[in-house]
Amino acid sequence: MKAAPTVKKSERAGRWLGRVWRGVAHREVRAIDWLAARRVPARVGQLLFLGLKLIVLALLLYSMFWIAVLIVLALGVMKFAGMTDLGDHPEPEWRTGPAGFGFYTHDGHRIDPRVHDDDD
């Protein structure tokens, strides 16, 4: 049995994000205090930072929307590319057909030059 339990990457990432969020919140309070020292009301400072957070959120949502649109378009292009008939036709083959033995396409057209063995 291990002395200390292993910490998963997801838990480490969550703790890191928590520390980052606490740091941002601390700097926000310091900035509001700095604005208050410059005779800006505390409520105005709070609203300023709330507006800034909403702008950042709107930009993130806007960029995620366009990334999702590009992913959907890429998936649609891949789907329609898979539905095309490129290369699905059988290869021409040597067989006996209506014009005798020769090289025929999948739809019955002879494509090889006809060689006549006439001894005339």
PDB file of N, CA and C in Angstrom:
ATOM      1  N   MET A   1       0.830  -1.173   0.000  1.00  0.00           N
ATOM      2  CA  MET A   1       0.000   0.000   0.000  1.00  0.00           C
ATOM      3  C   MET A   1       0.881   1.244   0.000  1.00  0.00           C
ATOM      4  N   LYS A   2       0.514   2.214  -0.814  1.00  0.00           N
ATOM      5  CA  LYS A   2       1.301   3.433  -0.914  1.00  0.00           C
ATOM      6  C   LYS A   2       1.066   4.325   0.302  1.00  0.00           C
ATOM      7  N   ALA A   3       2.112   5.064   0.642  1.00  0.00           N
ATOM      8  CA  ALA A   3       2.004   5.962   1.792  1.00  0.00           C
ATOM      9  C   ALA A   3       1.071   7.139   1.484  1.00  0.00           C
ATOM     10  N   ALA A   4       1.148   7.637   0.260  1.00  0.00           N
ATOM     11  CA  ALA A   4       0.303   8.776  -0.125  1.00  0.00           C
ATOM     12  C   ALA A   4      -0.514   8.376  -1.354  1.00  0.00           C
ATOM     13  N   PRO A   5      -1.787   8.711  -1.371  1.00  0.00           N
ATOM     14  CA  PRO A   5      -2.591   8.369  -2.553  1.00  0.00           C
ATOM     15  C   PRO A   5      -2.132   9.184  -3.758  1.00  0.00           C
ATOM     16  N   THR A   6      -2.258   8.577  -4.930  1.00  0.00           N
ATOM     17  CA  THR A   6      -1.847   9.282  -6.142  1.00  0.00           C
ATOM     18  C   THR A   6      -2.883  10.338  -6.496  1.00  0.00           C
ATOM     19  N   VAL A   7      -2.391  11.466  -6.931  1.00  0.00           N
ATOM     20  CA  VAL A   7      -3.261  12.571  -7.326  1.00  0.00           C
ATOM     21  C   VAL A   7      -3.410  12.507  -8.844  1.00  0.00           C
ATOM     22  N   LYS A   8      -4.634  12.455  -9.293  1.00  0.00           N
ATOM     23  CA  LYS A   8      -4.897  12.344 -10.720  1.00  0.00           C
ATOM     24  C   LYS A   8      -4.672  13.682 -11.412  1.00  0.00           C
ATOM     25  N   LYS A   9      -4.463  13.609 -12.723  1.00  0.00           N
ATOM     26  CA  LYS A   9      -4.224  14.828 -13.500  1.00  0.00           C
ATOM     27  C   LYS A   9      -5.422  15.760 -13.461  1.00  0.00           C
ATOM     28  N   SER A  10      -6.611  15.192 -13.452  1.00  0.00           N
ATOM     29  CA  SER A  10      -7.801  16.039 -13.411  1.00  0.00           C
ATOM     30  C   SER A  10      -7.879  16.812 -12.098  1.00  0.00           C
ATOM     31  N   GLU A  11      -7.480  16.159 -11.002  1.00  0.00           N
ATOM     32  CA  GLU A  11      -7.488  16.848  -9.708  1.00  0.00           C
ATOM     33  C   GLU A  11      -6.431  17.945  -9.681  1.00  0.00           C
ATOM     34  N   ARG A  12      -5.270  17.674 -10.256  1.00  0.00           N
ATOM     35  CA  ARG A  12      -4.227  18.702 -10.332  1.00  0.00           C
ATOM     36  C   ARG A  12      -4.696  19.880 -11.170  1.00  0.00           C
ATOM     37  N   ALA A  13      -5.344  19.584 -12.288  1.00  0.00           N
ATOM     38  CA  ALA A  13      -5.839  20.659 -13.147  1.00  0.00           C
ATOM     39  C   ALA A  13      -6.892  21.480 -12.420  1.00  0.00           C
ATOM     40  N   GLY A  14      -7.760  20.833 -11.666  1.00  0.00           N
ATOM     41  CA  GLY A  14      -8.779  21.551 -10.910  1.00  0.00           C
ATOM     42  C   GLY A  14      -8.180  22.434  -9.837  1.00  0.00           C
ATOM     43  N   ARG A  15      -7.172  21.916  -9.155  1.00  0.00           N
ATOM     44  CA  ARG A  15      -6.505  22.731  -8.133  1.00  0.00           C
ATOM     45  C   ARG A  15      -5.795  23.919  -8.767  1.00  0.00           C
ATOM     46  N   TRP A  16      -5.156  23.701  -9.916  1.00  0.00           N
ATOM     47  CA  TRP A  16      -4.476  24.791 -10.612  1.00  0.00           C
ATOM     48  C   TRP A  16      -5.478  25.855 -11.033  1.00  0.00           C
ATOM     49  N   LEU A  17      -6.612  25.422 -11.609  1.00  0.00           N
ATOM     50  CA  LEU A  17      -7.631  26.397 -12.005  1.00  0.00           C
ATOM     51  C   LEU A  17      -8.177  27.152 -10.796  1.00  0.00           C
ATOM     52  N   GLY A  18      -8.328  26.478  -9.671  1.00  0.00           N
ATOM     53  CA  GLY A  18      -8.776  27.143  -8.452  1.00  0.00           C
ATOM     54  C   GLY A  18      -7.796  28.204  -7.985  1.00  0.00           C
ATOM     55  N   ARG A  19      -6.493  27.879  -8.036  1.00  0.00           N
ATOM     56  CA  ARG A  19      -5.485  28.870  -7.646  1.00  0.00           C
ATOM     57  C   ARG A  19      -5.488  30.056  -8.594  1.00  0.00           C
ATOM     58  N   VAL A  20      -5.641  29.781  -9.891  1.00  0.00           N
ATOM     59  CA  VAL A  20      -5.698  30.875 -10.867  1.00  0.00           C
ATOM     60  C   VAL A  20      -6.910  31.754 -10.594  1.00  0.00           C
ATOM     61  N   TRP A  21      -8.057  31.137 -10.338  1.00  0.00           N
ATOM     62  CA  TRP A  21      -9.275  31.914 -10.076  1.00  0.00           C
ATOM     63  C   TRP A  21      -9.138  32.759  -8.807  1.00  0.00           C
ATOM     64  N   ARG A  22      -8.541  32.180  -7.762  1.00  0.00           N
ATOM     65  CA  ARG A  22      -8.320  32.958  -6.530  1.00  0.00           C
ATOM     66  C   ARG A  22      -7.380  34.123  -6.786  1.00  0.00           C
ATOM     67  N   GLY A  23      -6.355  33.901  -7.595  1.00  0.00           N
ATOM     68  CA  GLY A  23      -5.419  34.977  -7.929  1.00  0.00           C
ATOM     69  C   GLY A  23      -6.097  36.098  -8.697  1.00  0.00           C
ATOM     70  N   VAL A  24      -6.943  35.720  -9.656  1.00  0.00           N
ATOM     71  CA  VAL A  24      -7.671  36.728 -10.435  1.00  0.00           C
ATOM     72  C   VAL A  24      -8.618  37.498  -9.528  1.00  0.00           C
ATOM     73  N   ALA A  25      -9.320  36.802  -8.638  1.00  0.00           N
ATOM     74  CA  ALA A  25     -10.247  37.470  -7.723  1.00  0.00           C
ATOM     75  C   ALA A  25      -9.490  38.418  -6.795  1.00  0.00           C
ATOM     76  N   HIS A  26      -8.318  38.004  -6.318  1.00  0.00           N
ATOM     77  CA  HIS A  26      -7.518  38.861  -5.443  1.00  0.00           C
ATOM     78  C   HIS A  26      -7.065  40.118  -6.184  1.00  0.00           C
ATOM     79  N   ARG A  27      -6.615  39.944  -7.426  1.00  0.00           N
ATOM     80  CA  ARG A  27      -6.177  41.109  -8.206  1.00  0.00           C
ATOM     81  C   ARG A  27      -7.351  42.026  -8.538  1.00  0.00           C
ATOM     82  N   GLU A  28      -8.519  41.448  -8.723  1.00  0.00           N
ATOM     83  CA  GLU A  28      -9.709  42.263  -8.978  1.00  0.00           C
ATOM     84  C   GLU A  28     -10.033  43.136  -7.765  1.00  0.00           C
ATOM     85  N   VAL A  29      -9.965  42.553  -6.578  1.00  0.00           N
ATOM     86  CA  VAL A  29     -10.223  43.327  -5.355  1.00  0.00           C
ATOM     87  C   VAL A  29      -9.178  44.426  -5.198  1.00  0.00           C
ATOM     88  N   ARG A  30      -7.922  44.100  -5.484  1.00  0.00           N
ATOM     89  CA  ARG A  30      -6.869  45.117  -5.394  1.00  0.00           C
ATOM     90  C   ARG A  30      -7.105  46.232  -6.398  1.00  0.00           C
ATOM     91  N   ALA A  31      -7.548  45.884  -7.618  1.00  0.00           N
ATOM     92  CA  ALA A  31      -7.810  46.915  -8.627  1.00  0.00           C
ATOM     93  C   ALA A  31      -8.992  47.790  -8.218  1.00  0.00           C
ATOM     94  N   ILE A  32     -10.022  47.192  -7.633  1.00  0.00           N
ATOM     95  CA  ILE A  32     -11.176  47.980  -7.163  1.00  0.00           C
ATOM     96  C   ILE A  32     -10.734  48.915  -6.036  1.00  0.00           C
ATOM     97  N   ASP A  33      -9.870  48.430  -5.142  1.00  0.00           N
ATOM     98  CA  ASP A  33      -9.340  49.282  -4.076  1.00  0.00           C
ATOM     99  C   ASP A  33      -8.490  50.413  -4.655  1.00  0.00           C
ATOM    100  N   TRP A  34      -7.710  50.111  -5.685  1.00  0.00           N
ATOM    101  CA  TRP A  34      -6.890  51.136  -6.335  1.00  0.00           C
ATOM    102  C   TRP A  34      -7.775  52.202  -6.964  1.00  0.00           C
ATOM    103  N   LEU A  35      -8.864  51.756  -7.632  1.00  0.00           N
ATOM    104  CA  LEU A  35      -9.803  52.721  -8.211  1.00  0.00           C
ATOM    105  C   LEU A  35     -10.485  53.537  -7.118  1.00  0.00           C
ATOM    106  N   ALA A  36     -10.798  52.910  -5.989  1.00  0.00           N
ATOM    107  CA  ALA A  36     -11.431  53.630  -4.880  1.00  0.00           C
ATOM    108  C   ALA A  36     -10.482  54.685  -4.320  1.00  0.00           C
ATOM    109  N   ALA A  37      -9.185  54.400  -4.311  1.00  0.00           N
ATOM    110  CA  ALA A  37      -8.206  55.387  -3.859  1.00  0.00           C
ATOM    111  C   ALA A  37      -8.130  56.567  -4.821  1.00  0.00           C
ATOM    112  N   ARG A  38      -8.543  56.365  -6.054  1.00  0.00           N
ATOM    113  CA  ARG A  38      -8.558  57.432  -7.064  1.00  0.00           C
ATOM    114  C   ARG A  38      -9.929  58.115  -7.119  1.00  0.00           C
ATOM    115  N   ARG A  39     -10.726  57.931  -6.084  1.00  0.00           N
ATOM    116  CA  ARG A  39     -12.040  58.551  -5.909  1.00  0.00           C
ATOM    117  C   ARG A  39     -13.095  58.014  -6.889  1.00  0.00           C
ATOM    118  N   VAL A  40     -12.929  56.766  -7.315  1.00  0.00           N
ATOM    119  CA  VAL A  40     -13.966  56.096  -8.106  1.00  0.00           C
ATOM    120  C   VAL A  40     -14.788  55.274  -7.122  1.00  0.00           C
ATOM    121  N   PRO A  41     -16.112  55.405  -7.141  1.00  0.00           N
ATOM    122  CA  PRO A  41     -16.929  54.628  -6.200  1.00  0.00           C
ATOM    123  C   PRO A  41     -16.700  53.119  -6.375  1.00  0.00           C
ATOM    124  N   ALA A  42     -16.756  52.407  -5.262  1.00  0.00           N
ATOM    125  CA  ALA A  42     -16.499  50.961  -5.285  1.00  0.00           C
ATOM    126  C   ALA A  42     -17.507  50.241  -6.170  1.00  0.00           C
ATOM    127  N   ARG A  43     -18.754  50.686  -6.151  1.00  0.00           N
ATOM    128  CA  ARG A  43     -19.790  50.048  -6.976  1.00  0.00           C
ATOM    129  C   ARG A  43     -19.472  50.201  -8.463  1.00  0.00           C
ATOM    130  N   VAL A  44     -18.955  51.365  -8.861  1.00  0.00           N
ATOM    131  CA  VAL A  44     -18.576  51.583 -10.264  1.00  0.00           C
ATOM    132  C   VAL A  44     -17.426  50.650 -10.637  1.00  0.00           C
ATOM    133  N   GLY A  45     -16.464  50.488  -9.739  1.00  0.00           N
ATOM    134  CA  GLY A  45     -15.358  49.565  -9.997  1.00  0.00           C
ATOM    135  C   GLY A  45     -15.836  48.135 -10.147  1.00  0.00           C
ATOM    136  N   GLN A  46     -16.784  47.731  -9.299  1.00  0.00           N
ATOM    137  CA  GLN A  46     -17.331  46.375  -9.403  1.00  0.00           C
ATOM    138  C   GLN A  46     -18.073  46.189 -10.722  1.00  0.00           C
ATOM    139  N   LEU A  47     -18.860  47.195 -11.102  1.00  0.00           N
ATOM    140  CA  LEU A  47     -19.586  47.102 -12.371  1.00  0.00           C
ATOM    141  C   LEU A  47     -18.628  47.104 -13.560  1.00  0.00           C
ATOM    142  N   LEU A  48     -17.536  47.852 -13.435  1.00  0.00           N
ATOM    143  CA  LEU A  48     -16.534  47.871 -14.502  1.00  0.00           C
ATOM    144  C   LEU A  48     -15.953  46.472 -14.716  1.00  0.00           C
ATOM    145  N   PHE A  49     -15.591  45.819 -13.630  1.00  0.00           N
ATOM    146  CA  PHE A  49     -15.015  44.480 -13.762  1.00  0.00           C
ATOM    147  C   PHE A  49     -16.065  43.438 -14.147  1.00  0.00           C
ATOM    148  N   LEU A  50     -17.299  43.631 -13.721  1.00  0.00           N
ATOM    149  CA  LEU A  50     -18.368  42.737 -14.165  1.00  0.00           C
ATOM    150  C   LEU A  50     -18.558  42.865 -15.676  1.00  0.00           C
ATOM    151  N   GLY A  51     -18.545  44.098 -16.168  1.00  0.00           N
ATOM    152  CA  GLY A  51     -18.648  44.315 -17.613  1.00  0.00           C
ATOM    153  C   GLY A  51     -17.482  43.690 -18.358  1.00  0.00           C
ATOM    154  N   LEU A  52     -16.281  43.808 -17.793  1.00  0.00           N
ATOM    155  CA  LEU A  52     -15.107  43.202 -18.412  1.00  0.00           C
ATOM    156  C   LEU A  52     -15.243  41.678 -18.473  1.00  0.00           C
ATOM    157  N   LYS A  53     -15.735  41.077 -17.387  1.00  0.00           N
ATOM    158  CA  LYS A  53     -15.950  39.623 -17.371  1.00  0.00           C
ATOM    159  C   LYS A  53     -16.990  39.211 -18.410  1.00  0.00           C
ATOM    160  N   LEU A  54     -18.052  40.005 -18.529  1.00  0.00           N
ATOM    161  CA  LEU A  54     -19.089  39.679 -19.517  1.00  0.00           C
ATOM    162  C   LEU A  54     -18.559  39.810 -20.936  1.00  0.00           C
ATOM    163  N   ILE A  55     -17.709  40.804 -21.190  1.00  0.00           N
ATOM    164  CA  ILE A  55     -17.113  40.955 -22.522  1.00  0.00           C
ATOM    165  C   ILE A  55     -16.220  39.760 -22.835  1.00  0.00           C
ATOM    166  N   VAL A  56     -15.409  39.338 -21.875  1.00  0.00           N
ATOM    167  CA  VAL A  56     -14.539  38.172 -22.088  1.00  0.00           C
ATOM    168  C   VAL A  56     -15.377  36.924 -22.331  1.00  0.00           C
ATOM    169  N   LEU A  57     -16.449  36.756 -21.560  1.00  0.00           N
ATOM    170  CA  LEU A  57     -17.335  35.607 -21.751  1.00  0.00           C
ATOM    171  C   LEU A  57     -17.983  35.641 -23.134  1.00  0.00           C
ATOM    172  N   ALA A  58     -18.425  36.820 -23.559  1.00  0.00           N
ATOM    173  CA  ALA A  58     -19.044  36.944 -24.883  1.00  0.00           C
ATOM    174  C   ALA A  58     -18.041  36.609 -25.983  1.00  0.00           C
ATOM    175  N   LEU A  59     -16.801  37.060 -25.845  1.00  0.00           N
ATOM    176  CA  LEU A  59     -15.783  36.739 -26.846  1.00  0.00           C
ATOM    177  C   LEU A  59     -15.482  35.243 -26.886  1.00  0.00           C
ATOM    178  N   LEU A  60     -15.435  34.614 -25.718  1.00  0.00           N
ATOM    179  CA  LEU A  60     -15.212  33.166 -25.684  1.00  0.00           C
ATOM    180  C   LEU A  60     -16.366  32.408 -26.336  1.00  0.00           C
ATOM    181  N   LEU A  61     -17.595  32.809 -26.016  1.00  0.00           N
ATOM    182  CA  LEU A  61     -18.753  32.145 -26.623  1.00  0.00           C
ATOM    183  C   LEU A  61     -18.784  32.368 -28.131  1.00  0.00           C
ATOM    184  N   TYR A  62     -18.445  33.574 -28.570  1.00  0.00           N
ATOM    185  CA  TYR A  62     -18.421  33.887 -30.002  1.00  0.00           C
ATOM    186  C   TYR A  62     -17.388  33.018 -30.723  1.00  0.00           C
ATOM    187  N   SER A  63     -16.191  32.924 -30.143  1.00  0.00           N
ATOM    188  CA  SER A  63     -15.164  32.109 -30.791  1.00  0.00           C
ATOM    189  C   SER A  63     -15.537  30.624 -30.763  1.00  0.00           C
ATOM    190  N   MET A  64     -16.125  30.144 -29.673  1.00  0.00           N
ATOM    191  CA  MET A  64     -16.546  28.746 -29.609  1.00  0.00           C
ATOM    192  C   MET A  64     -17.652  28.454 -30.620  1.00  0.00           C
ATOM    193  N   PHE A  65     -18.538  29.428 -30.837  1.00  0.00           N
ATOM    194  CA  PHE A  65     -19.593  29.251 -31.832  1.00  0.00           C
ATOM    195  C   PHE A  65     -18.984  29.028 -33.209  1.00  0.00           C
ATOM    196  N   TRP A  66     -18.020  29.867 -33.596  1.00  0.00           N
ATOM    197  CA  TRP A  66     -17.443  29.730 -34.930  1.00  0.00           C
ATOM    198  C   TRP A  66     -16.576  28.485 -35.046  1.00  0.00           C
ATOM    199  N   ILE A  67     -15.945  28.085 -33.974  1.00  0.00           N
ATOM    200  CA  ILE A  67     -15.198  26.824 -34.011  1.00  0.00           C
ATOM    201  C   ILE A  67     -16.158  25.653 -34.194  1.00  0.00           C
ATOM    202  N   ALA A  68     -17.303  25.697 -33.508  1.00  0.00           N
ATOM    203  CA  ALA A  68     -18.310  24.639 -33.672  1.00  0.00           C
ATOM    204  C   ALA A  68     -18.859  24.629 -35.092  1.00  0.00           C
ATOM    205  N   VAL A  69     -19.083  25.811 -35.679  1.00  0.00           N
ATOM    206  CA  VAL A  69     -19.565  25.880 -37.062  1.00  0.00           C
ATOM    207  C   VAL A  69     -18.539  25.254 -38.001  1.00  0.00           C
ATOM    208  N   LEU A  70     -17.266  25.566 -37.809  1.00  0.00           N
ATOM    209  CA  LEU A  70     -16.229  24.988 -38.663  1.00  0.00           C
ATOM    210  C   LEU A  70     -16.149  23.470 -38.502  1.00  0.00           C
ATOM    211  N   ILE A  71     -16.306  22.981 -37.288  1.00  0.00           N
ATOM    212  CA  ILE A  71     -16.274  21.528 -37.068  1.00  0.00           C
ATOM    213  C   ILE A  71     -17.454  20.854 -37.750  1.00  0.00           C
ATOM    214  N   VAL A  72     -18.645  21.458 -37.636  1.00  0.00           N
ATOM    215  CA  VAL A  72     -19.834  20.882 -38.281  1.00  0.00           C
ATOM    216  C   VAL A  72     -19.666  20.896 -39.798  1.00  0.00           C
ATOM    217  N   LEU A  73     -19.137  21.989 -40.344  1.00  0.00           N
ATOM    218  CA  LEU A  73     -18.909  22.044 -41.788  1.00  0.00           C
ATOM    219  C   LEU A  73     -17.883  20.999 -42.221  1.00  0.00           C
ATOM    220  N   ALA A  74     -16.823  20.831 -41.447  1.00  0.00           N
ATOM    221  CA  ALA A  74     -15.817  19.824 -41.786  1.00  0.00           C
ATOM    222  C   ALA A  74     -16.418  18.422 -41.748  1.00  0.00           C
ATOM    223  N   LEU A  75     -17.252  18.149 -40.754  1.00  0.00           N
ATOM    224  CA  LEU A  75     -17.908  16.839 -40.689  1.00  0.00           C
ATOM    225  C   LEU A  75     -18.855  16.642 -41.866  1.00  0.00           C
ATOM    226  N   GLY A  76     -19.571  17.696 -42.253  1.00  0.00           N
ATOM    227  CA  GLY A  76     -20.465  17.608 -43.408  1.00  0.00           C
ATOM    228  C   GLY A  76     -19.704  17.351 -44.693  1.00  0.00           C
ATOM    229  N   VAL A  77     -18.580  18.032 -44.869  1.00  0.00           N
ATOM    230  CA  VAL A  77     -17.763  17.813 -46.062  1.00  0.00           C
ATOM    231  C   VAL A  77     -17.235  16.387 -46.087  1.00  0.00           C
ATOM    232  N   MET A  78     -16.799  15.888 -44.938  1.00  0.00           N
ATOM    233  CA  MET A  78     -16.300  14.513 -44.894  1.00  0.00           C
ATOM    234  C   MET A  78     -17.414  13.517 -45.183  1.00  0.00           C
ATOM    235  N   LYS A  79     -18.624  13.802 -44.708  1.00  0.00           N
ATOM    236  CA  LYS A  79     -19.738  12.892 -44.962  1.00  0.00           C
ATOM    237  C   LYS A  79     -20.084  12.863 -46.444  1.00  0.00           C
ATOM    238  N   PHE A  80     -20.172  14.050 -47.056  1.00  0.00           N
ATOM    239  CA  PHE A  80     -20.515  14.092 -48.470  1.00  0.00           C
ATOM    240  C   PHE A  80     -19.380  13.577 -49.339  1.00  0.00           C
ATOM    241  N   ALA A  81     -18.156  13.725 -48.904  1.00  0.00           N
ATOM    242  CA  ALA A  81     -17.036  13.166 -49.656  1.00  0.00           C
ATOM    243  C   ALA A  81     -17.091  11.641 -49.624  1.00  0.00           C
ATOM    244  N   GLY A  82     -17.581  11.085 -48.543  1.00  0.00           N
ATOM    245  CA  GLY A  82     -17.709   9.633 -48.448  1.00  0.00           C
ATOM    246  C   GLY A  82     -18.864   9.085 -49.260  1.00  0.00           C
ATOM    247  N   MET A  83     -19.825   9.949 -49.618  1.00  0.00           N
ATOM    248  CA  MET A  83     -20.991   9.502 -50.377  1.00  0.00           C
ATOM    249  C   MET A  83     -20.768   9.552 -51.883  1.00  0.00           C
ATOM    250  N   THR A  84     -19.669  10.131 -52.354  1.00  0.00           N
ATOM    251  CA  THR A  84     -19.435  10.245 -53.788  1.00  0.00           C
ATOM    252  C   THR A  84     -19.041   8.891 -54.364  1.00  0.00           C
ATOM    253  N   ASP A  85     -19.151   8.773 -55.675  1.00  0.00           N
ATOM    254  CA  ASP A  85     -18.856   7.517 -56.368  1.00  0.00           C
ATOM    255  C   ASP A  85     -17.453   7.497 -56.956  1.00  0.00           C
ATOM    256  N   LEU A  86     -16.541   8.238 -56.413  1.00  0.00           N
ATOM    257  CA  LEU A  86     -15.202   8.284 -56.969  1.00  0.00           C
ATOM    258  C   LEU A  86     -14.521   6.933 -56.804  1.00  0.00           C
ATOM    259  N   GLY A  87     -14.204   6.314 -57.917  1.00  0.00           N
ATOM    260  CA  GLY A  87     -13.494   5.053 -57.885  1.00  0.00           C
ATOM    261  C   GLY A  87     -14.331   3.844 -57.524  1.00  0.00           C
ATOM    262  N   ASP A  88     -15.639   3.954 -57.536  1.00  0.00           N
ATOM    263  CA  ASP A  88     -16.476   2.817 -57.177  1.00  0.00           C
ATOM    264  C   ASP A  88     -16.819   1.921 -58.366  1.00  0.00           C
ATOM    265  N   HIS A  89     -16.526   2.385 -59.570  1.00  0.00           N
ATOM    266  CA  HIS A  89     -16.854   1.577 -60.748  1.00  0.00           C
ATOM    267  C   HIS A  89     -15.856   0.436 -60.875  1.00  0.00           C
ATOM    268  N   PRO A  90     -16.333  -0.732 -61.304  1.00  0.00           N
ATOM    269  CA  PRO A  90     -15.409  -1.850 -61.495  1.00  0.00           C
ATOM    270  C   PRO A  90     -14.407  -1.542 -62.608  1.00  0.00           C
ATOM    271  N   GLU A  91     -13.261  -2.119 -62.470  1.00  0.00           N
ATOM    272  CA  GLU A  91     -12.214  -1.922 -63.464  1.00  0.00           C
ATOM    273  C   GLU A  91     -12.584  -2.648 -64.763  1.00  0.00           C
ATOM    274  N   PRO A  92     -12.097  -2.144 -65.899  1.00  0.00           N
ATOM    275  CA  PRO A  92     -12.315  -2.878 -67.161  1.00  0.00           C
ATOM    276  C   PRO A  92     -11.663  -4.260 -67.083  1.00  0.00           C
ATOM    277  N   GLU A  93     -12.271  -5.223 -67.797  1.00  0.00           N
ATOM    278  CA  GLU A  93     -11.757  -6.584 -67.725  1.00  0.00           C
ATOM    279  C   GLU A  93     -11.814  -7.248 -69.093  1.00  0.00           C
ATOM    280  N   TRP A  94     -10.966  -8.272 -69.240  1.00  0.00           N
ATOM    281  CA  TRP A  94     -10.965  -9.071 -70.458  1.00  0.00           C
ATOM    282  C   TRP A  94     -12.082 -10.096 -70.350  1.00  0.00           C
ATOM    283  N   ARG A  95     -12.977 -10.101 -71.333  1.00  0.00           N
ATOM    284  CA  ARG A  95     -14.081 -11.065 -71.335  1.00  0.00           C
ATOM    285  C   ARG A  95     -14.679 -11.148 -72.737  1.00  0.00           C
ATOM    286  N   THR A  96     -15.564 -12.131 -72.897  1.00  0.00           N
ATOM    287  CA  THR A  96     -16.276 -12.281 -74.154  1.00  0.00           C
ATOM    288  C   THR A  96     -17.559 -11.477 -74.070  1.00  0.00           C
ATOM    289  N   GLY A  97     -17.735 -10.560 -75.029  1.00  0.00           N
ATOM    290  CA  GLY A  97     -18.911  -9.707 -75.034  1.00  0.00           C
ATOM    291  C   GLY A  97     -19.594  -9.737 -76.384  1.00  0.00           C
ATOM    292  N   PRO A  98     -20.498  -8.770 -76.666  1.00  0.00           N
ATOM    293  CA  PRO A  98     -21.248  -8.755 -77.922  1.00  0.00           C
ATOM    294  C   PRO A  98     -20.367  -8.608 -79.152  1.00  0.00           C
ATOM    295  N   ALA A  99     -19.184  -7.995 -79.001  1.00  0.00           N
ATOM    296  CA  ALA A  99     -18.289  -7.821 -80.143  1.00  0.00           C
ATOM    297  C   ALA A  99     -17.148  -8.825 -80.103  1.00  0.00           C
ATOM    298  N   GLY A 100     -17.311  -9.920 -79.383  1.00  0.00           N
ATOM    299  CA  GLY A 100     -16.268 -10.934 -79.289  1.00  0.00           C
ATOM    300  C   GLY A 100     -15.421 -10.729 -78.047  1.00  0.00           C
ATOM    301  N   PHE A 101     -14.344 -11.513 -77.972  1.00  0.00           N
ATOM    302  CA  PHE A 101     -13.468 -11.420 -76.817  1.00  0.00           C
ATOM    303  C   PHE A 101     -12.684 -10.114 -76.885  1.00  0.00           C
ATOM    304  N   GLY A 102     -12.641  -9.396 -75.747  1.00  0.00           N
ATOM    305  CA  GLY A 102     -11.911  -8.130 -75.727  1.00  0.00           C
ATOM    306  C   GLY A 102     -11.912  -7.505 -74.340  1.00  0.00           C
ATOM    307  N   PHE A 103     -11.468  -6.256 -74.294  1.00  0.00           N
ATOM    308  CA  PHE A 103     -11.348  -5.495 -73.057  1.00  0.00           C
ATOM    309  C   PHE A 103     -12.589  -4.631 -72.920  1.00  0.00           C
ATOM    310  N   TYR A 104     -13.463  -4.954 -71.949  1.00  0.00           N
ATOM    311  CA  TYR A 104     -14.757  -4.291 -71.798  1.00  0.00           C
ATOM    312  C   TYR A 104     -14.814  -3.485 -70.496  1.00  0.00           C
ATOM    313  N   THR A 105     -15.544  -2.363 -70.557  1.00  0.00           N
ATOM    314  CA  THR A 105     -15.801  -1.572 -69.359  1.00  0.00           C
ATOM    315  C   THR A 105     -16.947  -2.206 -68.589  1.00  0.00           C
ATOM    316  N   HIS A 106     -17.276  -1.627 -67.433  1.00  0.00           N
ATOM    317  CA  HIS A 106     -18.340  -2.176 -66.589  1.00  0.00           C
ATOM    318  C   HIS A 106     -19.712  -2.085 -67.248  1.00  0.00           C
ATOM    319  N   ASP A 107     -19.879  -1.159 -68.209  1.00  0.00           N
ATOM    320  CA  ASP A 107     -21.191  -1.012 -68.850  1.00  0.00           C
ATOM    321  C   ASP A 107     -21.266  -1.694 -70.215  1.00  0.00           C
ATOM    322  N   GLY A 108     -20.290  -2.536 -70.564  1.00  0.00           N
ATOM    323  CA  GLY A 108     -20.378  -3.354 -71.766  1.00  0.00           C
ATOM    324  C   GLY A 108     -19.777  -2.749 -73.018  1.00  0.00           C
ATOM    325  N   HIS A 109     -19.041  -1.672 -72.939  1.00  0.00           N
ATOM    326  CA  HIS A 109     -18.397  -1.080 -74.115  1.00  0.00           C
ATOM    327  C   HIS A 109     -16.989  -1.634 -74.260  1.00  0.00           C
ATOM    328  N   ARG A 110     -16.695  -2.030 -75.492  1.00  0.00           N
ATOM    329  CA  ARG A 110     -15.366  -2.571 -75.759  1.00  0.00           C
ATOM    330  C   ARG A 110     -14.407  -1.407 -75.978  1.00  0.00           C
ATOM    331  N   ILE A 111     -13.277  -1.439 -75.295  1.00  0.00           N
ATOM    332  CA  ILE A 111     -12.357  -0.306 -75.377  1.00  0.00           C
ATOM    333  C   ILE A 111     -11.006  -0.675 -75.980  1.00  0.00           C
ATOM    334  N   ASP A 112     -10.765  -1.925 -76.301  1.00  0.00           N
ATOM    335  CA  ASP A 112      -9.493  -2.284 -76.922  1.00  0.00           C
ATOM    336  C   ASP A 112      -9.627  -2.210 -78.441  1.00  0.00           C
ATOM    337  N   PRO A 113      -8.519  -1.973 -79.136  1.00  0.00           N
ATOM    338  CA  PRO A 113      -8.595  -1.962 -80.607  1.00  0.00           C
ATOM    339  C   PRO A 113      -8.867  -3.372 -81.117  1.00  0.00           C
ATOM    340  N   ARG A 114      -9.707  -3.432 -82.115  1.00  0.00           N
ATOM    341  CA  ARG A 114     -10.062  -4.748 -82.670  1.00  0.00           C
ATOM    342  C   ARG A 114      -8.952  -5.222 -83.603  1.00  0.00           C
ATOM    343  N   VAL A 115      -8.489  -6.414 -83.355  1.00  0.00           N
ATOM    344  CA  VAL A 115      -7.462  -7.010 -84.192  1.00  0.00           C
ATOM    345  C   VAL A 115      -8.137  -8.105 -85.009  1.00  0.00           C
ATOM    346  N   HIS A 116      -8.058  -7.973 -86.320  1.00  0.00           N
ATOM    347  CA  HIS A 116      -8.668  -8.972 -87.200  1.00  0.00           C
ATOM    348  C   HIS A 116      -7.572  -9.889 -87.718  1.00  0.00           C
ATOM    349  N   ASP A 117      -7.789 -11.179 -87.617  1.00  0.00           N
ATOM    350  CA  ASP A 117      -6.835 -12.165 -88.101  1.00  0.00           C
ATOM    351  C   ASP A 117      -7.292 -12.703 -89.446  1.00  0.00           C
ATOM    352  N   ASP A 118      -7.541 -11.822 -90.376  1.00  0.00           N
ATOM    353  CA  ASP A 118      -7.961 -12.245 -91.717  1.00  0.00           C
ATOM    354  C   ASP A 118      -6.720 -12.463 -92.574  1.00  0.00           C
ATOM    355  N   ASP A 119      -6.670 -13.593 -93.276  1.00  0.00           N
ATOM    356  CA  ASP A 119      -5.539 -13.904 -94.155  1.00  0.00           C
ATOM    357  C   ASP A 119      -5.882 -13.574 -95.588  1.00  0.00           C
ATOM    358  N   ASP A 120      -6.605 -12.517 -95.819  1.00  0.00           N
ATOM    359  CA  ASP A 120      -7.019 -12.179 -97.185  1.00  0.00           C
ATOM    360  C   ASP A 120      -5.913 -11.611 -97.991  1.00  0.00           C
TER     361      ASP A 120
END
